[in-house]
Structures are given as structure tokens and as C-alpha cells.
Amino acid sequence: MVCPSWLAFILYNPVRKSLTDRVKIINESGITNDSVVLEVGAGNGFITEALAGNARKVYAVELQAGMKKLERRISQFGNKVSIIRGDIASVSMGEAFADVCLLYYSFHEFGDHEKAADAISRAVRSGGIVSIYEPALEVGKLSMQKTVSVFEQRGFVKTKERNGFFTRFASLRKMTVSL
């Protein structure tokens, strides 16, 4: 279930900010100052603002128009961040433009995993990375393995994996041409 926009304040709060190492997420995901990043499930901008400070360009896909704080958080970055409103499974994006696709606590909320993975696969360039973080309490090991498998079926190869107490993580590199 998607977190409703009226409850979005829980996504960006002092406790979460102190418990989440956003710099580690950026580094672990292979994001550099030259990276073009596709962030899917931007929410209220908790990760987006950190990405904008560390990447060349960020395309933030957000399903809910009610996430008004996202716009406020990224306003300081000018056109370094572009918001794409809609469902990743059906929005129209360019081909092979992203160096990294970051899915932070979002993939489990998507309605159609197959179509979402197709769109992401088309957007990530050959040699690019899909970095997936999921909440361990909501996404079990088997569900995470299924998520990884969805991307492996599209030519990605798992390069990193971690099962922590709070977070499950996998990083995959695109080895083939997109669909």
C-alpha cells in the first residue's frame, strides 16, 4: 500500500533523519557528481534532496500529486531536479538516460512490478545500476529475492546484497540492452 500524502510527515522526521545514513545510500548506490539518477517513489523528498546535492541531475518520479513538500525541498536546486508525476509503469521517459535508478522503500508499493521493471530497464543505460532498498519488516527475504529476480530477467546482474535489521538492500548492474 502506498503511503498517503497526508501521512507523509512520517517519511521526513528527525528520528528517521538521524537513523538513515543518506550519504551511505548514495555511495552504496554508485552515485557520483556526474551521475544522472532516476529516483522512483520520491515521496516528500527525503532522499531526493540528498541526491540533488550529490548528483548531476535527478529525475524524481512520484505517483501522488499531494506530496507538496517534495517541490519545496528541491526548489533550492533549480532545474537540477525534475519531477515526473505518475506511475512508473506507465509514464513516458527517455531511453537509456539514467546512470542509476534508486528505489528507496518503494518497489514493494508498486502495483505492477513487471511493467515498472520494464520502464526502469529502458531508462537505465547499459552498465548502469538499479539500487533497491526495502523495509525488512514489510519485505521478507523471499519477496526481496523475487524483486531481484524481476530485474535479473531483464539483463541485470546482482553485485551487492545485504539483509539488515531495518533494511534489505540489493544493487544490480545492467549487462544487456534494454527491452
Foldseek 3Di string as FASTA:
>chain_A
DDDDLVRLVVVDDPVVLVVDDLVCLCVVQVAAQAFEEEEEACQLPPNVLVSLVGYQAYEYEHADPSSVNNCVSCVVSPRSYHYDYHALLDDDDAFQAGQEYEYAQHLVVHPDNLSNLQSVLRHHHAFHKYKYKHFCVVAPPVNVVVSVVSNVVQQWDWDDWDDDPTITIIMTGHHDGGD
